PDB file of N, CA and C in Angstrom:
ATOM      1  N   UNK A   1       0.762  -1.211  -0.162  1.00  0.00           N
ATOM      2  CA  UNK A   1       0.133   0.263   0.414  1.00  0.00           C
ATOM      3  C   UNK A   1       0.666   1.268  -0.264  1.00  0.00           C
ATOM      4  N   UNK A   2       1.890   0.862   0.398  1.00  0.00           N
ATOM      5  CA  UNK A   2       3.119   1.893   0.483  1.00  0.00           C
ATOM      6  C   UNK A   2       3.199   2.592  -0.541  1.00  0.00           C
ATOM      7  N   UNK A   3       3.584   1.547  -1.187  1.00  0.00           N
ATOM      8  CA  UNK A   3       4.330   1.660  -2.888  1.00  0.00           C
ATOM      9  C   UNK A   3       3.431   2.617  -3.183  1.00  0.00           C
ATOM     10  N   UNK A   4       1.843   2.151  -3.240  1.00  0.00           N
ATOM     11  CA  UNK A   4       1.045   2.732  -4.754  1.00  0.00           C
ATOM     12  C   UNK A   4       1.324   3.906  -4.381  1.00  0.00           C
ATOM     13  N   UNK A   5       1.075   4.381  -2.837  1.00  0.00           N
ATOM     14  CA  UNK A   5       1.014   5.666  -2.031  1.00  0.00           C
ATOM     15  C   UNK A   5       2.207   6.592  -2.622  1.00  0.00           C
ATOM     16  N   UNK A   6       3.493   6.160  -2.626  1.00  0.00           N
ATOM     17  CA  UNK A   6       4.070   6.599  -3.430  1.00  0.00           C
ATOM     18  C   UNK A   6       4.670   6.838  -4.578  1.00  0.00           C
ATOM     19  N   UNK A   7       4.153   6.024  -5.230  1.00  0.00           N
ATOM     20  CA  UNK A   7       4.105   6.690  -6.620  1.00  0.00           C
ATOM     21  C   UNK A   7       3.163   7.049  -7.464  1.00  0.00           C
ATOM     22  N   UNK A   8       2.139   7.148  -6.203  1.00  0.00           N
ATOM     23  CA  UNK A   8       0.690   7.756  -6.778  1.00  0.00           C
ATOM     24  C   UNK A   8       1.110   9.950  -6.841  1.00  0.00           C
ATOM     25  N   UNK A   9       1.820  10.079  -5.432  1.00  0.00           N
ATOM     26  CA  UNK A   9       2.587  11.499  -5.177  1.00  0.00           C
ATOM     27  C   UNK A   9       3.443  11.985  -5.546  1.00  0.00           C
ATOM     28  N   UNK A  10       4.709  10.630  -6.367  1.00  0.00           N
ATOM     29  CA  UNK A  10       5.610  11.454  -6.520  1.00  0.00           C
ATOM     30  C   UNK A  10       5.213  11.760  -8.534  1.00  0.00           C
ATOM     31  N   UNK A  11       5.817  13.274  -8.446  1.00  0.00           N
ATOM     32  CA  UNK A  11       5.793  13.974  -9.717  1.00  0.00           C
ATOM     33  C   UNK A  11       7.656  13.981 -10.439  1.00  0.00           C
ATOM     34  N   UNK A  12       7.395  14.114 -11.396  1.00  0.00           N
ATOM     35  CA  UNK A  12       8.646  13.970 -12.205  1.00  0.00           C
ATOM     36  C   UNK A  12       8.387  14.189 -13.619  1.00  0.00           C
ATOM     37  N   UNK A  13       9.585  14.406 -14.254  1.00  0.00           N
ATOM     38  CA  UNK A  13       9.723  14.816 -15.754  1.00  0.00           C
ATOM     39  C   UNK A  13      10.701  14.012 -16.817  1.00  0.00           C
ATOM     40  N   UNK A  14      10.188  13.771 -17.736  1.00  0.00           N
ATOM     41  CA  UNK A  14      10.869  13.282 -19.166  1.00  0.00           C
ATOM     42  C   UNK A  14      10.968  14.262 -19.956  1.00  0.00           C
ATOM     43  N   UNK A  15      11.984  14.092 -20.694  1.00  0.00           N
ATOM     44  CA  UNK A  15      13.252  15.561 -21.621  1.00  0.00           C
ATOM     45  C   UNK A  15      13.419  14.370 -22.225  1.00  0.00           C
ATOM     46  N   UNK A  16      12.936  14.918 -23.733  1.00  0.00           N
ATOM     47  CA  UNK A  16      13.091  14.445 -25.261  1.00  0.00           C
ATOM     48  C   UNK A  16      13.956  14.600 -26.081  1.00  0.00           C
ATOM     49  N   UNK A  17      14.804  14.575 -26.526  1.00  0.00           N
ATOM     50  CA  UNK A  17      16.214  15.070 -27.626  1.00  0.00           C
ATOM     51  C   UNK A  17      15.515  14.571 -29.041  1.00  0.00           C
ATOM     52  N   UNK A  18      14.702  15.555 -30.018  1.00  0.00           N
ATOM     53  CA  UNK A  18      14.833  15.330 -31.225  1.00  0.00           C
ATOM     54  C   UNK A  18      15.655  15.467 -32.351  1.00  0.00           C
ATOM     55  N   UNK A  19      15.975  14.949 -33.204  1.00  0.00           N
ATOM     56  CA  UNK A  19      17.294  15.489 -34.508  1.00  0.00           C
ATOM     57  C   UNK A  19      16.064  15.444 -35.673  1.00  0.00           C
ATOM     58  N   UNK A  20      15.460  16.504 -36.188  1.00  0.00           N
ATOM     59  CA  UNK A  20      14.421  15.915 -37.336  1.00  0.00           C
ATOM     60  C   UNK A  20      12.748  15.762 -36.491  1.00  0.00           C
ATOM     61  N   UNK A  21      13.134  14.281 -37.419  1.00  0.00           N
ATOM     62  CA  UNK A  21      11.694  13.544 -36.549  1.00  0.00           C
ATOM     63  C   UNK A  21      12.027  12.233 -35.707  1.00  0.00           C
ATOM     64  N   UNK A  22      13.786  12.379 -35.639  1.00  0.00           N
ATOM     65  CA  UNK A  22      13.864  10.627 -34.703  1.00  0.00           C
ATOM     66  C   UNK A  22      14.194  11.238 -33.537  1.00  0.00           C
ATOM     67  N   UNK A  23      13.961  10.244 -32.561  1.00  0.00           N
ATOM     68  CA  UNK A  23      13.650  10.600 -30.673  1.00  0.00           C
ATOM     69  C   UNK A  23      15.329  10.142 -30.865  1.00  0.00           C
ATOM     70  N   UNK A  24      16.822  10.658 -29.846  1.00  0.00           N
ATOM     71  CA  UNK A  24      17.501  10.411 -30.150  1.00  0.00           C
ATOM     72  C   UNK A  24      17.992   9.909 -28.885  1.00  0.00           C
ATOM     73  N   UNK A  25      17.567  10.741 -27.871  1.00  0.00           N
ATOM     74  CA  UNK A  25      17.497  10.435 -26.225  1.00  0.00           C
ATOM     75  C   UNK A  25      16.628  10.886 -25.433  1.00  0.00           C
ATOM     76  N   UNK A  26      16.436   9.801 -24.954  1.00  0.00           N
ATOM     77  CA  UNK A  26      15.297  10.842 -23.267  1.00  0.00           C
ATOM     78  C   UNK A  26      16.134  10.076 -22.110  1.00  0.00           C
ATOM     79  N   UNK A  27      15.780  11.142 -21.234  1.00  0.00           N
ATOM     80  CA  UNK A  27      16.246  11.470 -19.821  1.00  0.00           C
ATOM     81  C   UNK A  27      15.153  11.333 -19.131  1.00  0.00           C
ATOM     82  N   UNK A  28      15.229  11.095 -17.428  1.00  0.00           N
ATOM     83  CA  UNK A  28      14.125  11.210 -16.454  1.00  0.00           C
ATOM     84  C   UNK A  28      14.883  11.314 -15.295  1.00  0.00           C
ATOM     85  N   UNK A  29      14.478  12.693 -14.865  1.00  0.00           N
ATOM     86  CA  UNK A  29      14.771  13.205 -13.945  1.00  0.00           C
ATOM     87  C   UNK A  29      16.644  13.686 -13.867  1.00  0.00           C
ATOM     88  N   UNK A  30      17.255  14.247 -15.043  1.00  0.00           N
ATOM     89  CA  UNK A  30      18.046  14.734 -15.317  1.00  0.00           C
ATOM     90  C   UNK A  30      18.018  15.349 -17.126  1.00  0.00           C
ATOM     91  N   UNK A  31      18.455  15.644 -17.778  1.00  0.00           N
ATOM     92  CA  UNK A  31      18.930  16.695 -18.329  1.00  0.00           C
ATOM     93  C   UNK A  31      19.134  15.545 -19.735  1.00  0.00           C
ATOM     94  N   UNK A  32      19.019  15.849 -20.972  1.00  0.00           N
ATOM     95  CA  UNK A  32      18.857  14.799 -21.680  1.00  0.00           C
ATOM     96  C   UNK A  32      20.151  15.566 -22.806  1.00  0.00           C
ATOM     97  N   UNK A  33      20.961  14.382 -23.202  1.00  0.00           N
ATOM     98  CA  UNK A  33      22.212  14.330 -23.765  1.00  0.00           C
ATOM     99  C   UNK A  33      21.951  14.818 -25.734  1.00  0.00           C
ATOM    100  N   UNK A  34      21.984  15.565 -25.990  1.00  0.00           N
ATOM    101  CA  UNK A  34      22.249  16.139 -27.021  1.00  0.00           C
ATOM    102  C   UNK A  34      22.773  15.577 -28.076  1.00  0.00           C
ATOM    103  N   UNK A  35      22.373  15.197 -29.797  1.00  0.00           N
ATOM    104  CA  UNK A  35      23.360  14.842 -30.814  1.00  0.00           C
ATOM    105  C   UNK A  35      24.206  15.749 -31.451  1.00  0.00           C
ATOM    106  N   UNK A  36      24.406  17.000 -30.899  1.00  0.00           N
ATOM    107  CA  UNK A  36      25.483  17.432 -31.291  1.00  0.00           C
ATOM    108  C   UNK A  36      25.577  18.680 -32.817  1.00  0.00           C
ATOM    109  N   UNK A  37      24.265  18.719 -33.276  1.00  0.00           N
ATOM    110  CA  UNK A  37      23.683  19.146 -34.000  1.00  0.00           C
ATOM    111  C   UNK A  37      23.024  20.993 -34.073  1.00  0.00           C
ATOM    112  N   UNK A  38      22.666  21.029 -32.690  1.00  0.00           N
ATOM    113  CA  UNK A  38      22.307  22.296 -32.503  1.00  0.00           C
ATOM    114  C   UNK A  38      22.853  23.682 -33.576  1.00  0.00           C
ATOM    115  N   UNK A  39      22.064  24.127 -33.804  1.00  0.00           N
ATOM    116  CA  UNK A  39      22.854  25.931 -34.167  1.00  0.00           C
ATOM    117  C   UNK A  39      23.493  26.199 -33.434  1.00  0.00           C
ATOM    118  N   UNK A  40      24.529  27.295 -33.257  1.00  0.00           N
ATOM    119  CA  UNK A  40      25.434  28.162 -32.851  1.00  0.00           C
ATOM    120  C   UNK A  40      24.463  29.288 -32.877  1.00  0.00           C
ATOM    121  N   UNK A  41      24.351  29.976 -32.161  1.00  0.00           N
ATOM    122  CA  UNK A  41      24.354  31.274 -32.329  1.00  0.00           C
ATOM    123  C   UNK A  41      25.737  32.500 -32.762  1.00  0.00           C
ATOM    124  N   UNK A  42      25.507  33.410 -33.907  1.00  0.00           N
ATOM    125  CA  UNK A  42      26.312  33.939 -34.400  1.00  0.00           C
ATOM    126  C   UNK A  42      27.025  34.510 -33.374  1.00  0.00           C
ATOM    127  N   UNK A  43      27.916  35.194 -33.238  1.00  0.00           N
ATOM    128  CA  UNK A  43      29.109  35.914 -32.795  1.00  0.00           C
ATOM    129  C   UNK A  43      28.916  37.258 -32.407  1.00  0.00           C
ATOM    130  N   UNK A  44      28.905  37.549 -34.106  1.00  0.00           N
ATOM    131  CA  UNK A  44      28.637  39.196 -34.151  1.00  0.00           C
ATOM    132  C   UNK A  44      26.971  38.444 -34.881  1.00  0.00           C
ATOM    133  N   UNK A  45      26.286  40.235 -34.177  1.00  0.00           N
ATOM    134  CA  UNK A  45      25.258  40.505 -35.091  1.00  0.00           C
ATOM    135  C   UNK A  45      25.250  40.879 -36.267  1.00  0.00           C
ATOM    136  N   UNK A  46      25.792  40.779 -36.851  1.00  0.00           N
ATOM    137  CA  UNK A  46      26.409  41.330 -38.286  1.00  0.00           C
ATOM    138  C   UNK A  46      25.927  40.223 -39.402  1.00  0.00           C
ATOM    139  N   UNK A  47      26.243  39.111 -39.142  1.00  0.00           N
ATOM    140  CA  UNK A  47      25.071  38.371 -40.020  1.00  0.00           C
ATOM    141  C   UNK A  47      23.855  38.178 -39.803  1.00  0.00           C
ATOM    142  N   UNK A  48      23.155  38.161 -41.420  1.00  0.00           N
ATOM    143  CA  UNK A  48      21.970  38.424 -41.935  1.00  0.00           C
ATOM    144  C   UNK A  48      21.647  36.930 -41.635  1.00  0.00           C
ATOM    145  N   UNK A  49      21.911  35.878 -42.129  1.00  0.00           N
ATOM    146  CA  UNK A  49      21.936  34.425 -42.917  1.00  0.00           C
ATOM    147  C   UNK A  49      21.802  33.495 -41.877  1.00  0.00           C
ATOM    148  N   UNK A  50      20.462  33.111 -41.367  1.00  0.00           N
ATOM    149  CA  UNK A  50      20.207  32.476 -40.492  1.00  0.00           C
ATOM    150  C   UNK A  50      19.415  31.300 -41.115  1.00  0.00           C
ATOM    151  N   UNK A  51      20.144  29.505 -40.296  1.00  0.00           N
ATOM    152  CA  UNK A  51      19.169  28.265 -40.614  1.00  0.00           C
ATOM    153  C   UNK A  51      18.702  28.021 -39.372  1.00  0.00           C
ATOM    154  N   UNK A  52      17.887  27.127 -39.948  1.00  0.00           N
ATOM    155  CA  UNK A  52      16.183  26.652 -38.976  1.00  0.00           C
ATOM    156  C   UNK A  52      17.387  25.372 -38.464  1.00  0.00           C
ATOM    157  N   UNK A  53      17.061  25.597 -36.803  1.00  0.00           N
ATOM    158  CA  UNK A  53      17.447  24.261 -36.675  1.00  0.00           C
ATOM    159  C   UNK A  53      16.905  23.389 -36.425  1.00  0.00           C
ATOM    160  N   UNK A  54      17.417  22.101 -36.745  1.00  0.00           N
ATOM    161  CA  UNK A  54      16.483  20.572 -37.247  1.00  0.00           C
ATOM    162  C   UNK A  54      16.322  20.298 -35.667  1.00  0.00           C
ATOM    163  N   UNK A  55      17.290  20.397 -34.862  1.00  0.00           N
ATOM    164  CA  UNK A  55      17.283  19.639 -33.167  1.00  0.00           C
ATOM    165  C   UNK A  55      16.293  20.737 -32.323  1.00  0.00           C
ATOM    166  N   UNK A  56      15.530  19.578 -32.162  1.00  0.00           N
ATOM    167  CA  UNK A  56      14.393  19.944 -30.732  1.00  0.00           C
ATOM    168  C   UNK A  56      14.283  19.887 -29.652  1.00  0.00           C
ATOM    169  N   UNK A  57      14.228  19.450 -28.527  1.00  0.00           N
ATOM    170  CA  UNK A  57      13.974  19.220 -26.969  1.00  0.00           C
ATOM    171  C   UNK A  57      12.480  19.670 -27.078  1.00  0.00           C
ATOM    172  N   UNK A  58      11.812  17.851 -26.133  1.00  0.00           N
ATOM    173  CA  UNK A  58      10.128  18.769 -25.685  1.00  0.00           C
ATOM    174  C   UNK A  58      10.645  17.724 -24.417  1.00  0.00           C
ATOM    175  N   UNK A  59       9.862  18.727 -23.333  1.00  0.00           N
ATOM    176  CA  UNK A  59       9.363  18.708 -21.665  1.00  0.00           C
ATOM    177  C   UNK A  59       8.005  18.178 -21.420  1.00  0.00           C
ATOM    178  N   UNK A  60       7.914  16.917 -21.317  1.00  0.00           N
ATOM    179  CA  UNK A  60       6.664  16.286 -20.346  1.00  0.00           C
ATOM    180  C   UNK A  60       6.941  16.215 -19.106  1.00  0.00           C
ATOM    181  N   UNK A  61       6.124  16.887 -17.817  1.00  0.00           N
ATOM    182  CA  UNK A  61       6.085  16.717 -16.871  1.00  0.00           C
ATOM    183  C   UNK A  61       4.585  16.036 -16.140  1.00  0.00           C
ATOM    184  N   UNK A  62       5.140  15.350 -15.629  1.00  0.00           N
ATOM    185  CA  UNK A  62       3.878  14.438 -15.216  1.00  0.00           C
ATOM    186  C   UNK A  62       3.226  15.035 -13.612  1.00  0.00           C
ATOM    187  N   UNK A  63       2.516  15.302 -13.215  1.00  0.00           N
ATOM    188  CA  UNK A  63       2.378  15.749 -11.998  1.00  0.00           C
ATOM    189  C   UNK A  63       1.423  14.599 -11.175  1.00  0.00           C
ATOM    190  N   UNK A  64       2.521  14.674  -9.475  1.00  0.00           N
ATOM    191  CA  UNK A  64       1.392  13.940  -8.515  1.00  0.00           C
ATOM    192  C   UNK A  64       0.370  14.007  -8.361  1.00  0.00           C
ATOM    193  N   UNK A  65      -0.441  12.836  -7.312  1.00  0.00           N
ATOM    194  CA  UNK A  65      -0.969  13.852  -6.782  1.00  0.00           C
ATOM    195  C   UNK A  65      -0.652  14.706  -5.583  1.00  0.00           C
ATOM    196  N   UNK A  66      -1.502  15.709  -5.388  1.00  0.00           N
ATOM    197  CA  UNK A  66      -1.161  16.492  -4.013  1.00  0.00           C
ATOM    198  C   UNK A  66      -1.907  16.169  -2.421  1.00  0.00           C
ATOM    199  N   UNK A  67      -3.532  16.052  -2.822  1.00  0.00           N
ATOM    200  CA  UNK A  67      -4.454  15.304  -1.245  1.00  0.00           C
ATOM    201  C   UNK A  67      -4.222  13.924  -1.590  1.00  0.00           C
ATOM    202  N   UNK A  68      -4.223  13.760  -0.075  1.00  0.00           N
ATOM    203  CA  UNK A  68      -4.307  12.286  -0.023  1.00  0.00           C
ATOM    204  C   UNK A  68      -5.796  11.908   1.454  1.00  0.00           C
ATOM    205  N   UNK A  69      -6.525  10.957   0.620  1.00  0.00           N
ATOM    206  CA  UNK A  69      -6.789  10.568   1.839  1.00  0.00           C
ATOM    207  C   UNK A  69      -7.078  10.061   3.158  1.00  0.00           C
ATOM    208  N   UNK A  70      -7.077  10.441   3.989  1.00  0.00           N
ATOM    209  CA  UNK A  70      -6.067   9.767   5.289  1.00  0.00           C
ATOM    210  C   UNK A  70      -7.368   9.786   6.336  1.00  0.00           C
ATOM    211  N   UNK A  71      -8.310   9.749   5.977  1.00  0.00           N
ATOM    212  CA  UNK A  71      -9.593   9.814   6.646  1.00  0.00           C
ATOM    213  C   UNK A  71      -9.991   8.275   6.541  1.00  0.00           C
ATOM    214  N   UNK A  72     -10.324   7.546   7.519  1.00  0.00           N
ATOM    215  CA  UNK A  72     -10.848   6.120   7.215  1.00  0.00           C
ATOM    216  C   UNK A  72     -12.141   6.594   8.026  1.00  0.00           C
ATOM    217  N   UNK A  73     -12.741   7.252   8.716  1.00  0.00           N
ATOM    218  CA  UNK A  73     -14.371   7.778   8.505  1.00  0.00           C
ATOM    219  C   UNK A  73     -15.107   7.952   7.240  1.00  0.00           C
ATOM    220  N   UNK A  74     -14.321   8.913   6.672  1.00  0.00           N
ATOM    221  CA  UNK A  74     -15.220   9.053   5.261  1.00  0.00           C
ATOM    222  C   UNK A  74     -15.208   7.955   3.826  1.00  0.00           C
ATOM    223  N   UNK A  75     -14.507   7.096   4.744  1.00  0.00           N
ATOM    224  CA  UNK A  75     -14.887   6.289   3.209  1.00  0.00           C
ATOM    225  C   UNK A  75     -16.430   5.658   3.727  1.00  0.00           C
ATOM    226  N   UNK A  76     -16.737   4.852   2.465  1.00  0.00           N
ATOM    227  CA  UNK A  76     -18.163   4.335   2.950  1.00  0.00           C
ATOM    228  C   UNK A  76     -18.236   3.159   3.486  1.00  0.00           C
ATOM    229  N   UNK A  77     -19.801   2.658   3.752  1.00  0.00           N
ATOM    230  CA  UNK A  77     -19.647   1.430   4.648  1.00  0.00           C
ATOM    231  C   UNK A  77     -18.810  -0.076   3.943  1.00  0.00           C
ATOM    232  N   UNK A  78     -18.933  -0.235   2.477  1.00  0.00           N
ATOM    233  CA  UNK A  78     -18.450  -0.837   1.499  1.00  0.00           C
ATOM    234  C   UNK A  78     -17.202  -1.145   1.648  1.00  0.00           C
ATOM    235  N   UNK A  79     -16.076   0.393   1.538  1.00  0.00           N
ATOM    236  CA  UNK A  79     -15.308   0.152   1.434  1.00  0.00           C
ATOM    237  C   UNK A  79     -14.542   0.322   3.070  1.00  0.00           C
ATOM    238  N   UNK A  80     -14.969   0.132   3.831  1.00  0.00           N
ATOM    239  CA  UNK A  80     -14.689  -0.315   4.975  1.00  0.00           C
ATOM    240  C   UNK A  80     -14.118  -1.055   5.363  1.00  0.00           C
ATOM    241  N   UNK A  81     -15.501  -2.263   5.185  1.00  0.00           N
ATOM    242  CA  UNK A  81     -16.016  -3.563   5.294  1.00  0.00           C
ATOM    243  C   UNK A  81     -14.439  -4.000   4.365  1.00  0.00           C
ATOM    244  N   UNK A  82     -14.608  -3.769   3.225  1.00  0.00           N
ATOM    245  CA  UNK A  82     -13.167  -3.973   1.740  1.00  0.00           C
ATOM    246  C   UNK A  82     -11.796  -3.819   2.366  1.00  0.00           C
ATOM    247  N   UNK A  83     -11.519  -2.787   3.515  1.00  0.00           N
ATOM    248  CA  UNK A  83     -10.014  -2.675   4.287  1.00  0.00           C
ATOM    249  C   UNK A  83     -10.213  -3.548   4.785  1.00  0.00           C
ATOM    250  N   UNK A  84     -10.793  -3.545   5.820  1.00  0.00           N
ATOM    251  CA  UNK A  84     -11.176  -4.253   6.863  1.00  0.00           C
ATOM    252  C   UNK A  84     -11.171  -5.693   6.736  1.00  0.00           C
ATOM    253  N   UNK A  85     -11.751  -6.481   5.393  1.00  0.00           N
ATOM    254  CA  UNK A  85     -11.472  -7.567   5.164  1.00  0.00           C
ATOM    255  C   UNK A  85      -9.726  -7.859   4.797  1.00  0.00           C
ATOM    256  N   UNK A  86      -9.238  -7.169   4.054  1.00  0.00           N
ATOM    257  CA  UNK A  86      -7.965  -7.257   3.547  1.00  0.00           C
ATOM    258  C   UNK A  86      -6.904  -7.197   3.946  1.00  0.00           C
ATOM    259  N   UNK A  87      -7.025  -6.392   5.626  1.00  0.00           N
ATOM    260  CA  UNK A  87      -5.782  -6.039   6.516  1.00  0.00           C
ATOM    261  C   UNK A  87      -5.777  -6.989   7.377  1.00  0.00           C
ATOM    262  N   UNK A  88      -6.793  -8.026   7.353  1.00  0.00           N
ATOM    263  CA  UNK A  88      -7.417  -9.625   8.501  1.00  0.00           C
ATOM    264  C   UNK A  88      -6.929 -10.450   7.588  1.00  0.00           C
ATOM    265  N   UNK A  89      -7.129 -10.403   6.651  1.00  0.00           N
ATOM    266  CA  UNK A  89      -6.347 -11.633   5.488  1.00  0.00           C
ATOM    267  C   UNK A  89      -5.442 -11.326   5.235  1.00  0.00           C
ATOM    268  N   UNK A  90      -4.971 -10.574   5.064  1.00  0.00           N
ATOM    269  CA  UNK A  90      -2.975 -10.459   4.894  1.00  0.00           C
ATOM    270  C   UNK A  90      -2.201 -10.824   5.638  1.00  0.00           C
ATOM    271  N   UNK A  91      -2.897 -10.317   6.639  1.00  0.00           N
ATOM    272  CA  UNK A  91      -1.768 -10.361   7.723  1.00  0.00           C
ATOM    273  C   UNK A  91      -1.812 -12.079   8.433  1.00  0.00           C
ATOM    274  N   UNK A  92      -2.998 -12.858   8.240  1.00  0.00           N
ATOM    275  CA  UNK A  92      -3.126 -13.785   8.525  1.00  0.00           C
ATOM    276  C   UNK A  92      -2.225 -14.850   7.215  1.00  0.00           C
ATOM    277  N   UNK A  93      -2.019 -14.461   6.366  1.00  0.00           N
ATOM    278  CA  UNK A  93      -1.546 -14.791   5.560  1.00  0.00           C
ATOM    279  C   UNK A  93       0.038 -15.352   5.659  1.00  0.00           C
ATOM    280  N   UNK A  94       0.798 -14.643   6.634  1.00  0.00           N
ATOM    281  CA  UNK A  94       2.106 -15.190   7.222  1.00  0.00           C
ATOM    282  C   UNK A  94       2.015 -15.699   7.932  1.00  0.00           C
ATOM    283  N   UNK A  95       0.997 -16.086   8.845  1.00  0.00           N
ATOM    284  CA  UNK A  95       1.352 -16.805   9.902  1.00  0.00           C
ATOM    285  C   UNK A  95       2.033 -17.866  10.116  1.00  0.00           C
ATOM    286  N   UNK A  96       3.006 -18.389  10.663  1.00  0.00           N
ATOM    287  CA  UNK A  96       4.350 -19.385  11.012  1.00  0.00           C
ATOM    288  C   UNK A  96       3.690 -20.662  11.555  1.00  0.00           C
ATOM    289  N   UNK A  97       4.239 -21.918  11.413  1.00  0.00           N
ATOM    290  CA  UNK A  97       4.319 -22.748  12.075  1.00  0.00           C
ATOM    291  C   UNK A  97       5.072 -22.743  12.966  1.00  0.00           C
ATOM    292  N   UNK A  98       4.523 -23.403  14.457  1.00  0.00           N
ATOM    293  CA  UNK A  98       5.370 -23.401  15.222  1.00  0.00           C
ATOM    294  C   UNK A  98       7.304 -24.269  14.850  1.00  0.00           C
ATOM    295  N   UNK A  99       6.491 -25.518  14.272  1.00  0.00           N
ATOM    296  CA  UNK A  99       7.933 -26.182  14.068  1.00  0.00           C
ATOM    297  C   UNK A  99       7.318 -27.134  13.132  1.00  0.00           C
ATOM    298  N   UNK A 100       8.321 -27.270  12.385  1.00  0.00           N
ATOM    299  CA  UNK A 100       8.002 -27.804  10.752  1.00  0.00           C
ATOM    300  C   UNK A 100       7.872 -29.726  11.112  1.00  0.00           C
ATOM    301  N   UNK A 101       6.755 -29.704  10.178  1.00  0.00           N
ATOM    302  CA  UNK A 101       5.662 -30.636  10.273  1.00  0.00           C
ATOM    303  C   UNK A 101       6.288 -31.577   8.932  1.00  0.00           C
ATOM    304  N   UNK A 102       6.670 -32.484   9.450  1.00  0.00           N
ATOM    305  CA  UNK A 102       7.287 -34.068   8.769  1.00  0.00           C
ATOM    306  C   UNK A 102       6.442 -35.275   8.924  1.00  0.00           C
ATOM    307  N   UNK A 103       6.210 -35.127   7.699  1.00  0.00           N
ATOM    308  CA  UNK A 103       4.708 -36.381   7.860  1.00  0.00           C
ATOM    309  C   UNK A 103       5.295 -37.984   7.459  1.00  0.00           C
ATOM    310  N   UNK A 104       6.384 -37.921   7.516  1.00  0.00           N
ATOM    311  CA  UNK A 104       6.724 -39.477   6.647  1.00  0.00           C
ATOM    312  C   UNK A 104       7.967 -39.381   7.767  1.00  0.00           C
ATOM    313  N   UNK A 105       8.465 -38.855   8.706  1.00  0.00           N
ATOM    314  CA  UNK A 105       9.843 -38.971   9.262  1.00  0.00           C
ATOM    315  C   UNK A 105       9.231 -40.603  10.095  1.00  0.00           C
ATOM    316  N   UNK A 106       8.066 -41.227  10.444  1.00  0.00           N
ATOM    317  CA  UNK A 106       8.276 -42.345  11.077  1.00  0.00           C
ATOM    318  C   UNK A 106       8.476 -43.509  10.123  1.00  0.00           C
ATOM    319  N   UNK A 107       8.061 -43.216   9.323  1.00  0.00           N
ATOM    320  CA  UNK A 107       8.564 -44.420   8.016  1.00  0.00           C
ATOM    321  C   UNK A 107      10.287 -44.426   7.458  1.00  0.00           C
ATOM    322  N   UNK A 108      10.613 -46.076   6.977  1.00  0.00           N
ATOM    323  CA  UNK A 108      11.941 -46.111   6.801  1.00  0.00           C
ATOM    324  C   UNK A 108      11.486 -46.356   5.608  1.00  0.00           C
ATOM    325  N   UNK A 109      12.916 -46.012   4.101  1.00  0.00           N
ATOM    326  CA  UNK A 109      12.522 -45.962   3.010  1.00  0.00           C
ATOM    327  C   UNK A 109      12.295 -46.837   2.505  1.00  0.00           C
ATOM    328  N   UNK A 110      11.980 -47.608   1.352  1.00  0.00           N
ATOM    329  CA  UNK A 110      11.804 -49.177   1.113  1.00  0.00           C
ATOM    330  C   UNK A 110      13.616 -49.730   0.281  1.00  0.00           C
ATOM    331  N   UNK A 111      13.875 -50.929   0.968  1.00  0.00           N
ATOM    332  CA  UNK A 111      14.609 -51.272   0.339  1.00  0.00           C
ATOM    333  C   UNK A 111      14.921 -51.768  -1.002  1.00  0.00           C
ATOM    334  N   UNK A 112      16.332 -51.519  -1.940  1.00  0.00           N
ATOM    335  CA  UNK A 112      16.923 -51.809  -2.946  1.00  0.00           C
ATOM    336  C   UNK A 112      17.034 -53.275  -2.570  1.00  0.00           C
ATOM    337  N   UNK A 113      16.510 -53.687  -4.295  1.00  0.00           N
ATOM    338  CA  UNK A 113      16.187 -54.869  -4.619  1.00  0.00           C
ATOM    339  C   UNK A 113      17.959 -55.616  -5.597  1.00  0.00           C
ATOM    340  N   UNK A 114      17.931 -54.556  -6.610  1.00  0.00           N
ATOM    341  CA  UNK A 114      18.726 -54.251  -7.484  1.00  0.00           C
ATOM    342  C   UNK A 114      18.715 -53.034  -8.208  1.00  0.00           C
ATOM    343  N   UNK A 115      19.725 -52.881  -9.026  1.00  0.00           N
ATOM    344  CA  UNK A 115      19.391 -50.865  -9.274  1.00  0.00           C
ATOM    345  C   UNK A 115      18.862 -51.136 -10.642  1.00  0.00           C
ATOM    346  N   UNK A 116      17.688 -50.814 -10.378  1.00  0.00           N
ATOM    347  CA  UNK A 116      16.824 -50.293 -11.396  1.00  0.00           C
ATOM    348  C   UNK A 116      16.943 -49.465 -12.596  1.00  0.00           C
ATOM    349  N   UNK A 117      18.214 -48.838 -12.698  1.00  0.00           N
ATOM    350  CA  UNK A 117      18.411 -48.143 -13.684  1.00  0.00           C
ATOM    351  C   UNK A 117      19.639 -48.618 -14.625  1.00  0.00           C
ATOM    352  N   UNK A 118      20.052 -49.589 -14.093  1.00  0.00           N
ATOM    353  CA  UNK A 118      20.967 -50.457 -14.885  1.00  0.00           C
ATOM    354  C   UNK A 118      19.890 -51.670 -15.547  1.00  0.00           C
ATOM    355  N   UNK A 119      18.690 -51.778 -15.282  1.00  0.00           N
ATOM    356  CA  UNK A 119      18.052 -53.122 -15.605  1.00  0.00           C
ATOM    357  C   UNK A 119      17.178 -51.885 -17.121  1.00  0.00           C
ATOM    358  N   UNK A 120      17.559 -50.936 -17.013  1.00  0.00           N
ATOM    359  CA  UNK A 120      16.615 -49.911 -18.036  1.00  0.00           C
ATOM    360  C   UNK A 120      17.657 -49.405 -18.702  1.00  0.00           C
ATOM    361  N   UNK A 121      18.892 -49.865 -19.070  1.00  0.00           N
ATOM    362  CA  UNK A 121      19.850 -49.264 -19.963  1.00  0.00           C
ATOM    363  C   UNK A 121      20.197 -49.933 -21.098  1.00  0.00           C
ATOM    364  N   UNK A 122      19.820 -49.221 -22.115  1.00  0.00           N
ATOM    365  CA  UNK A 122      20.102 -49.071 -23.493  1.00  0.00           C
ATOM    366  C   UNK A 122      21.579 -48.513 -24.179  1.00  0.00           C
ATOM    367  N   UNK A 123      21.955 -49.497 -25.382  1.00  0.00           N
ATOM    368  CA  UNK A 123      22.791 -48.992 -26.088  1.00  0.00           C
ATOM    369  C   UNK A 123      23.003 -49.547 -27.538  1.00  0.00           C
ATOM    370  N   UNK A 124      23.245 -47.878 -28.145  1.00  0.00           N
ATOM    371  CA  UNK A 124      23.167 -48.460 -29.096  1.00  0.00           C
ATOM    372  C   UNK A 124      24.680 -48.484 -30.005  1.00  0.00           C
ATOM    373  N   UNK A 125      24.819 -49.067 -30.459  1.00  0.00           N
ATOM    374  CA  UNK A 125      26.642 -49.707 -31.262  1.00  0.00           C
ATOM    375  C   UNK A 125      25.930 -49.308 -33.001  1.00  0.00           C
TER     376      UNK A 125
END
């Protein structure tokens, strides 16, 4: 349950770098690596010729949930019954035995009269 709450409240961003129409790199939580083909801005402003940049970066932000319902009283009667039965069943799932029960410990193994694997062997020549 804690993992569900953690992932539903977590926010993160996905950065993507496109070179033309091709996706070159994606990154989560950090900056994306570029392909190196970005247009450099001219050092002097005298240059009137400009080229269109073929690369672009996109950033997708995924926002997490801000408000959590922490009150057990605001749940409906059916939801309360479900949560109570789930907790009861889950807690009883991991009950262990006091000692290991071995049902065949009082019996001895059968006696070996012949080696059975030798009787069934066939050899191709």
